[in-house]
Amino acid sequence: MLFFDLSLAQIIGIAVALVIGITFHEFSHAFLADQLGDHRPRALGRVSLNPARHIEPVGAIVFLMAGFGWGRPVPVNVYALRPGPIGMAIVAAGGPIANVIVATATAVVYRVLDAGGASGLVLDLGWFIVFYNLVLAAFNLLPIPPLDGYNALLAFLPPHAAFTLQRYAPYGVLLILLLVFVPGSPLGALFGAIRNLTWGLVGA
């Protein structure tokens, strides 16, 4: 999705939706890490709902180019977490779960506002918030480094298998970029399914 093809109202709606989604996603990682014993995220100011703490410049530029991007990762020390690797899986899962909660809550608000005759602009914003939070949740659950699905998967692998998988972690970003930008990527089908799910949740 290129922003050049969208109206100003749509661009603003997508930007707001992504800022909300990324902020709650990264806050959830930081909050859970802090609760499980790693207090570095709090010391770095990441246990916050201030978007400025979580927006990453390069990810923001990609937003402008493709309508999708990423936030500033929360640094987590797995050795400081209770109970170790399982704690890391909990922290990793926290981001996508937060996005699902935001999407579900927004869908409920959407239905209430729609029944009350809210303007199309307000409803469009609600739709974008639901859609992009579901996209962030699903995308981050892919088992590709450095996404949350990869970090959660490592916690359940035998040490040797985890070590072998970590050797290929530097190539994860390249694979993600290919999935996002190459025509015919499986992400197209994934995003299409999420679009249908969004319409189902908002009842439209």
C-alpha atoms as a PDB file:
ATOM      1  CA  MET A   1       0.000   0.000   0.000  1.00  0.00           C
ATOM      2  CA  LEU A   2       1.529   3.293  -1.087  1.00  0.00           C
ATOM      3  CA  PHE A   3       0.425   6.503   0.588  1.00  0.00           C
ATOM      4  CA  PHE A   4       0.549   8.220  -2.818  1.00  0.00           C
ATOM      5  CA  ASP A   5      -2.711   6.426  -3.700  1.00  0.00           C
ATOM      6  CA  LEU A   6      -4.587   7.539  -0.569  1.00  0.00           C
ATOM      7  CA  SER A   7      -6.482  10.637   0.449  1.00  0.00           C
ATOM      8  CA  LEU A   8      -5.180  12.938   3.187  1.00  0.00           C
ATOM      9  CA  ALA A   9      -7.879  11.684   5.561  1.00  0.00           C
ATOM     10  CA  GLN A  10      -6.828   8.084   4.950  1.00  0.00           C
ATOM     11  CA  ILE A  11      -3.156   8.905   5.484  1.00  0.00           C
ATOM     12  CA  ILE A  12      -3.950  10.584   8.795  1.00  0.00           C
ATOM     13  CA  GLY A  13      -6.144   7.657   9.844  1.00  0.00           C
ATOM     14  CA  ILE A  14      -3.449   5.102   9.049  1.00  0.00           C
ATOM     15  CA  ALA A  15      -0.757   7.161  10.806  1.00  0.00           C
ATOM     16  CA  VAL A  16      -2.871   7.498  13.969  1.00  0.00           C
ATOM     17  CA  ALA A  17      -3.740   3.789  13.907  1.00  0.00           C
ATOM     18  CA  LEU A  18      -0.099   2.755  13.546  1.00  0.00           C
ATOM     19  CA  VAL A  19       1.096   5.095  16.299  1.00  0.00           C
ATOM     20  CA  ILE A  20      -1.533   3.657  18.660  1.00  0.00           C
ATOM     21  CA  GLY A  21      -0.725   0.078  17.663  1.00  0.00           C
ATOM     22  CA  ILE A  22       3.042   0.402  18.002  1.00  0.00           C
ATOM     23  CA  THR A  23       2.808   2.315  21.275  1.00  0.00           C
ATOM     24  CA  PHE A  24       0.654  -0.321  22.981  1.00  0.00           C
ATOM     25  CA  HIS A  25       2.709  -3.128  21.431  1.00  0.00           C
ATOM     26  CA  GLU A  26       6.073  -1.895  22.711  1.00  0.00           C
ATOM     27  CA  PHE A  27       4.629  -0.709  26.038  1.00  0.00           C
ATOM     28  CA  SER A  28       3.323  -4.213  26.649  1.00  0.00           C
ATOM     29  CA  HIS A  29       6.782  -5.716  26.056  1.00  0.00           C
ATOM     30  CA  ALA A  30       8.371  -3.213  28.437  1.00  0.00           C
ATOM     31  CA  PHE A  31       5.698  -3.588  31.118  1.00  0.00           C
ATOM     32  CA  LEU A  32       5.844  -7.389  31.153  1.00  0.00           C
ATOM     33  CA  ALA A  33       9.651  -7.428  31.173  1.00  0.00           C
ATOM     34  CA  ASP A  34       9.615  -5.048  34.136  1.00  0.00           C
ATOM     35  CA  GLN A  35       7.059  -7.177  35.987  1.00  0.00           C
ATOM     36  CA  LEU A  36       9.093 -10.339  35.356  1.00  0.00           C
ATOM     37  CA  GLY A  37      12.317  -8.914  36.755  1.00  0.00           C
ATOM     38  CA  ASP A  38      14.134  -7.045  33.980  1.00  0.00           C
ATOM     39  CA  HIS A  39      13.986  -3.387  35.028  1.00  0.00           C
ATOM     40  CA  ARG A  40      16.150  -2.008  32.218  1.00  0.00           C
ATOM     41  CA  PRO A  41      13.124  -1.116  30.044  1.00  0.00           C
ATOM     42  CA  ARG A  42      11.778   1.015  32.902  1.00  0.00           C
ATOM     43  CA  ALA A  43      15.164   2.672  33.371  1.00  0.00           C
ATOM     44  CA  LEU A  44      15.148   3.516  29.651  1.00  0.00           C
ATOM     45  CA  GLY A  45      11.703   5.071  29.914  1.00  0.00           C
ATOM     46  CA  ARG A  46       9.984   2.370  27.860  1.00  0.00           C
ATOM     47  CA  VAL A  47       7.277   1.522  30.410  1.00  0.00           C
ATOM     48  CA  SER A  48       5.296   4.418  29.000  1.00  0.00           C
ATOM     49  CA  LEU A  49       2.363   5.098  26.689  1.00  0.00           C
ATOM     50  CA  ASN A  50       4.188   8.114  25.263  1.00  0.00           C
ATOM     51  CA  PRO A  51       4.499   7.334  21.515  1.00  0.00           C
ATOM     52  CA  ALA A  52       7.803   9.235  21.323  1.00  0.00           C
ATOM     53  CA  ARG A  53       9.360   6.488  23.457  1.00  0.00           C
ATOM     54  CA  HIS A  54       8.493   3.797  20.937  1.00  0.00           C
ATOM     55  CA  ILE A  55       8.476   5.228  17.392  1.00  0.00           C
ATOM     56  CA  GLU A  56      11.565   4.273  15.354  1.00  0.00           C
ATOM     57  CA  PRO A  57      12.662   6.724  12.607  1.00  0.00           C
ATOM     58  CA  VAL A  58      13.426   4.137   9.902  1.00  0.00           C
ATOM     59  CA  GLY A  59      10.218   2.272  10.653  1.00  0.00           C
ATOM     60  CA  ALA A  60       8.316   5.567  10.405  1.00  0.00           C
ATOM     61  CA  ILE A  61       9.842   6.258   6.971  1.00  0.00           C
ATOM     62  CA  VAL A  62       8.740   2.819   5.786  1.00  0.00           C
ATOM     63  CA  PHE A  63       5.257   3.707   7.038  1.00  0.00           C
ATOM     64  CA  LEU A  64       5.252   6.664   4.678  1.00  0.00           C
ATOM     65  CA  MET A  65       6.448   4.528   1.764  1.00  0.00           C
ATOM     66  CA  ALA A  66       4.455   1.347   2.184  1.00  0.00           C
ATOM     67  CA  GLY A  67       1.844   1.828   4.901  1.00  0.00           C
ATOM     68  CA  PHE A  68       3.666  -0.606   7.175  1.00  0.00           C
ATOM     69  CA  GLY A  69       6.699  -0.406   9.426  1.00  0.00           C
ATOM     70  CA  TRP A  70       7.929  -1.041  12.957  1.00  0.00           C
ATOM     71  CA  GLY A  71       8.684   0.562  16.295  1.00  0.00           C
ATOM     72  CA  ARG A  72      11.808   0.801  18.430  1.00  0.00           C
ATOM     73  CA  PRO A  73      12.456  -2.661  19.932  1.00  0.00           C
ATOM     74  CA  VAL A  74      12.416  -2.935  23.707  1.00  0.00           C
ATOM     75  CA  PRO A  75      15.768  -4.305  24.979  1.00  0.00           C
ATOM     76  CA  VAL A  76      15.100  -7.327  27.189  1.00  0.00           C
ATOM     77  CA  ASN A  77      17.642  -9.371  29.157  1.00  0.00           C
ATOM     78  CA  VAL A  78      16.318 -12.931  29.172  1.00  0.00           C
ATOM     79  CA  TYR A  79      18.674 -13.845  32.051  1.00  0.00           C
ATOM     80  CA  ALA A  80      17.021 -11.262  34.296  1.00  0.00           C
ATOM     81  CA  LEU A  81      13.523 -12.596  33.673  1.00  0.00           C
ATOM     82  CA  ARG A  82      11.503 -14.947  35.810  1.00  0.00           C
ATOM     83  CA  PRO A  83      11.335 -17.789  34.783  1.00  0.00           C
ATOM     84  CA  GLY A  84      14.108 -17.371  32.223  1.00  0.00           C
ATOM     85  CA  PRO A  85      13.344 -18.370  28.627  1.00  0.00           C
ATOM     86  CA  ILE A  86       9.652 -18.910  29.369  1.00  0.00           C
ATOM     87  CA  GLY A  87       9.595 -15.366  30.690  1.00  0.00           C
ATOM     88  CA  MET A  88      10.955 -14.204  27.341  1.00  0.00           C
ATOM     89  CA  ALA A  89       8.133 -16.036  25.570  1.00  0.00           C
ATOM     90  CA  ILE A  90       5.627 -14.226  27.788  1.00  0.00           C
ATOM     91  CA  VAL A  91       7.239 -10.851  27.056  1.00  0.00           C
ATOM     92  CA  ALA A  92       7.300 -11.597  23.319  1.00  0.00           C
ATOM     93  CA  ALA A  93       3.660 -12.636  23.263  1.00  0.00           C
ATOM     94  CA  GLY A  94       2.641  -9.517  25.178  1.00  0.00           C
ATOM     95  CA  GLY A  95       2.981  -7.215  22.169  1.00  0.00           C
ATOM     96  CA  PRO A  96       0.639  -9.115  19.809  1.00  0.00           C
ATOM     97  CA  ILE A  97      -1.810  -9.742  22.642  1.00  0.00           C
ATOM     98  CA  ALA A  98      -1.909  -6.005  23.385  1.00  0.00           C
ATOM     99  CA  ASN A  99      -2.680  -5.315  19.716  1.00  0.00           C
ATOM    100  CA  VAL A 100      -5.536  -7.833  19.723  1.00  0.00           C
ATOM    101  CA  ILE A 101      -6.974  -6.212  22.859  1.00  0.00           C
ATOM    102  CA  VAL A 102      -6.765  -2.740  21.293  1.00  0.00           C
ATOM    103  CA  ALA A 103      -8.395  -4.015  18.093  1.00  0.00           C
ATOM    104  CA  THR A 104     -11.218  -5.743  19.967  1.00  0.00           C
ATOM    105  CA  ALA A 105     -11.920  -2.753  22.224  1.00  0.00           C
ATOM    106  CA  THR A 106     -11.911  -0.407  19.226  1.00  0.00           C
ATOM    107  CA  ALA A 107     -14.293  -2.686  17.329  1.00  0.00           C
ATOM    108  CA  VAL A 108     -16.754  -2.465  20.228  1.00  0.00           C
ATOM    109  CA  VAL A 109     -16.481   1.337  20.221  1.00  0.00           C
ATOM    110  CA  TYR A 110     -16.906   1.331  16.437  1.00  0.00           C
ATOM    111  CA  ARG A 111     -20.198  -0.577  16.708  1.00  0.00           C
ATOM    112  CA  VAL A 112     -21.499   1.811  19.368  1.00  0.00           C
ATOM    113  CA  LEU A 113     -20.534   4.886  17.341  1.00  0.00           C
ATOM    114  CA  ASP A 114     -21.921   3.389  14.137  1.00  0.00           C
ATOM    115  CA  ALA A 115     -25.262   2.727  15.834  1.00  0.00           C
ATOM    116  CA  GLY A 116     -25.229   6.321  17.085  1.00  0.00           C
ATOM    117  CA  GLY A 117     -24.740   7.745  13.599  1.00  0.00           C
ATOM    118  CA  ALA A 118     -21.102   8.839  13.910  1.00  0.00           C
ATOM    119  CA  SER A 119     -19.452  10.502  10.927  1.00  0.00           C
ATOM    120  CA  GLY A 120     -17.677   8.487   8.282  1.00  0.00           C
ATOM    121  CA  LEU A 121     -14.332  10.048   9.201  1.00  0.00           C
ATOM    122  CA  VAL A 122     -14.589   8.830  12.798  1.00  0.00           C
ATOM    123  CA  LEU A 123     -15.638   5.365  11.684  1.00  0.00           C
ATOM    124  CA  ASP A 124     -12.799   5.208   9.152  1.00  0.00           C
ATOM    125  CA  LEU A 125     -10.314   5.984  11.928  1.00  0.00           C
ATOM    126  CA  GLY A 126     -11.815   3.223  14.062  1.00  0.00           C
ATOM    127  CA  TRP A 127     -11.582   0.780  11.148  1.00  0.00           C
ATOM    128  CA  PHE A 128      -7.912   1.594  10.569  1.00  0.00           C
ATOM    129  CA  ILE A 129      -7.136   1.130  14.282  1.00  0.00           C
ATOM    130  CA  VAL A 130      -8.763  -2.319  14.262  1.00  0.00           C
ATOM    131  CA  PHE A 131      -7.123  -3.375  10.991  1.00  0.00           C
ATOM    132  CA  TYR A 132      -3.577  -2.228  11.716  1.00  0.00           C
ATOM    133  CA  ASN A 133      -3.567  -3.599  15.249  1.00  0.00           C
ATOM    134  CA  LEU A 134      -4.578  -6.994  13.868  1.00  0.00           C
ATOM    135  CA  VAL A 135      -1.882  -6.659  11.184  1.00  0.00           C
ATOM    136  CA  LEU A 136       0.763  -5.848  13.804  1.00  0.00           C
ATOM    137  CA  ALA A 137      -0.355  -8.811  15.932  1.00  0.00           C
ATOM    138  CA  ALA A 138      -0.335 -11.318  13.067  1.00  0.00           C
ATOM    139  CA  PHE A 139       2.854 -10.020  11.447  1.00  0.00           C
ATOM    140  CA  ASN A 140       4.799 -10.081  14.700  1.00  0.00           C
ATOM    141  CA  LEU A 141       3.758 -13.661  15.396  1.00  0.00           C
ATOM    142  CA  LEU A 142       5.687 -14.871  12.338  1.00  0.00           C
ATOM    143  CA  PRO A 143       8.657 -16.987  13.540  1.00  0.00           C
ATOM    144  CA  ILE A 144      11.224 -14.760  11.808  1.00  0.00           C
ATOM    145  CA  PRO A 145      13.932 -12.874  13.708  1.00  0.00           C
ATOM    146  CA  PRO A 146      13.641 -10.346  15.235  1.00  0.00           C
ATOM    147  CA  LEU A 147       9.830 -10.663  15.367  1.00  0.00           C
ATOM    148  CA  ASP A 148       7.995 -11.756  18.507  1.00  0.00           C
ATOM    149  CA  GLY A 149       7.094 -15.160  17.101  1.00  0.00           C
ATOM    150  CA  TYR A 150      10.792 -15.982  16.753  1.00  0.00           C
ATOM    151  CA  ASN A 151      11.595 -14.875  20.319  1.00  0.00           C
ATOM    152  CA  ALA A 152       8.697 -16.911  21.696  1.00  0.00           C
ATOM    153  CA  LEU A 153       9.704 -19.976  19.673  1.00  0.00           C
ATOM    154  CA  LEU A 154      13.270 -19.950  21.039  1.00  0.00           C
ATOM    155  CA  ALA A 155      11.957 -20.453  24.566  1.00  0.00           C
ATOM    156  CA  PHE A 156      10.494 -23.852  23.664  1.00  0.00           C
ATOM    157  CA  LEU A 157      13.334 -25.250  21.549  1.00  0.00           C
ATOM    158  CA  PRO A 158      16.082 -27.530  22.899  1.00  0.00           C
ATOM    159  CA  PRO A 159      19.302 -25.551  23.512  1.00  0.00           C
ATOM    160  CA  HIS A 160      21.117 -27.000  20.502  1.00  0.00           C
ATOM    161  CA  ALA A 161      18.213 -26.269  18.149  1.00  0.00           C
ATOM    162  CA  ALA A 162      17.879 -22.748  19.549  1.00  0.00           C
ATOM    163  CA  PHE A 163      21.601 -22.107  19.063  1.00  0.00           C
ATOM    164  CA  THR A 164      21.440 -23.360  15.454  1.00  0.00           C
ATOM    165  CA  LEU A 165      18.426 -21.157  14.689  1.00  0.00           C
ATOM    166  CA  GLN A 166      20.109 -18.102  16.216  1.00  0.00           C
ATOM    167  CA  ARG A 167      22.972 -18.444  13.707  1.00  0.00           C
ATOM    168  CA  TYR A 168      20.541 -17.424  10.962  1.00  0.00           C
ATOM    169  CA  ALA A 169      18.996 -14.520  12.898  1.00  0.00           C
ATOM    170  CA  PRO A 170      20.949 -11.805  10.987  1.00  0.00           C
ATOM    171  CA  TYR A 171      19.142 -12.807   7.795  1.00  0.00           C
ATOM    172  CA  GLY A 172      15.726 -12.296   9.345  1.00  0.00           C
ATOM    173  CA  VAL A 173      15.432  -8.616   8.448  1.00  0.00           C
ATOM    174  CA  LEU A 174      16.186  -9.383   4.798  1.00  0.00           C
ATOM    175  CA  LEU A 175      13.463 -12.022   4.745  1.00  0.00           C
ATOM    176  CA  ILE A 176      11.006  -9.587   6.325  1.00  0.00           C
ATOM    177  CA  LEU A 177      11.769  -6.930   3.709  1.00  0.00           C
ATOM    178  CA  LEU A 178      11.234  -9.487   0.946  1.00  0.00           C
ATOM    179  CA  LEU A 179       7.886 -10.496   2.421  1.00  0.00           C
ATOM    180  CA  VAL A 180       6.770  -6.871   2.714  1.00  0.00           C
ATOM    181  CA  PHE A 181       7.881  -5.523  -0.656  1.00  0.00           C
ATOM    182  CA  VAL A 182       8.054  -8.427  -3.159  1.00  0.00           C
ATOM    183  CA  PRO A 183       4.885  -8.720  -5.312  1.00  0.00           C
ATOM    184  CA  GLY A 184       2.934 -11.903  -4.753  1.00  0.00           C
ATOM    185  CA  SER A 185       4.185 -12.292  -1.175  1.00  0.00           C
ATOM    186  CA  PRO A 186       2.154 -14.586   1.122  1.00  0.00           C
ATOM    187  CA  LEU A 187       1.587 -11.498   3.256  1.00  0.00           C
ATOM    188  CA  GLY A 188      -0.947 -10.356   0.661  1.00  0.00           C
ATOM    189  CA  ALA A 189      -3.213 -13.291   1.509  1.00  0.00           C
ATOM    190  CA  LEU A 190      -2.621 -12.738   5.228  1.00  0.00           C
ATOM    191  CA  PHE A 191      -3.551  -9.058   5.038  1.00  0.00           C
ATOM    192  CA  GLY A 192      -6.593  -9.921   2.928  1.00  0.00           C
ATOM    193  CA  ALA A 193      -7.801 -12.319   5.618  1.00  0.00           C
ATOM    194  CA  ILE A 194      -7.209  -9.668   8.275  1.00  0.00           C
ATOM    195  CA  ARG A 195      -9.204  -7.163   6.219  1.00  0.00           C
ATOM    196  CA  ASN A 196     -12.152  -9.571   6.164  1.00  0.00           C
ATOM    197  CA  LEU A 197     -11.778 -10.201   9.886  1.00  0.00           C
ATOM    198  CA  THR A 198     -11.775  -6.447  10.518  1.00  0.00           C
ATOM    199  CA  TRP A 199     -15.064  -6.002   8.672  1.00  0.00           C
ATOM    200  CA  GLY A 200     -16.484  -8.890  10.684  1.00  0.00           C
ATOM    201  CA  LEU A 201     -15.411  -7.387  14.002  1.00  0.00           C
ATOM    202  CA  VAL A 202     -16.835  -3.937  13.296  1.00  0.00           C
ATOM    203  CA  GLY A 203     -20.063  -5.489  12.011  1.00  0.00           C
ATOM    204  CA  ALA A 204     -20.009  -3.679   8.678  1.00  0.00           C
END
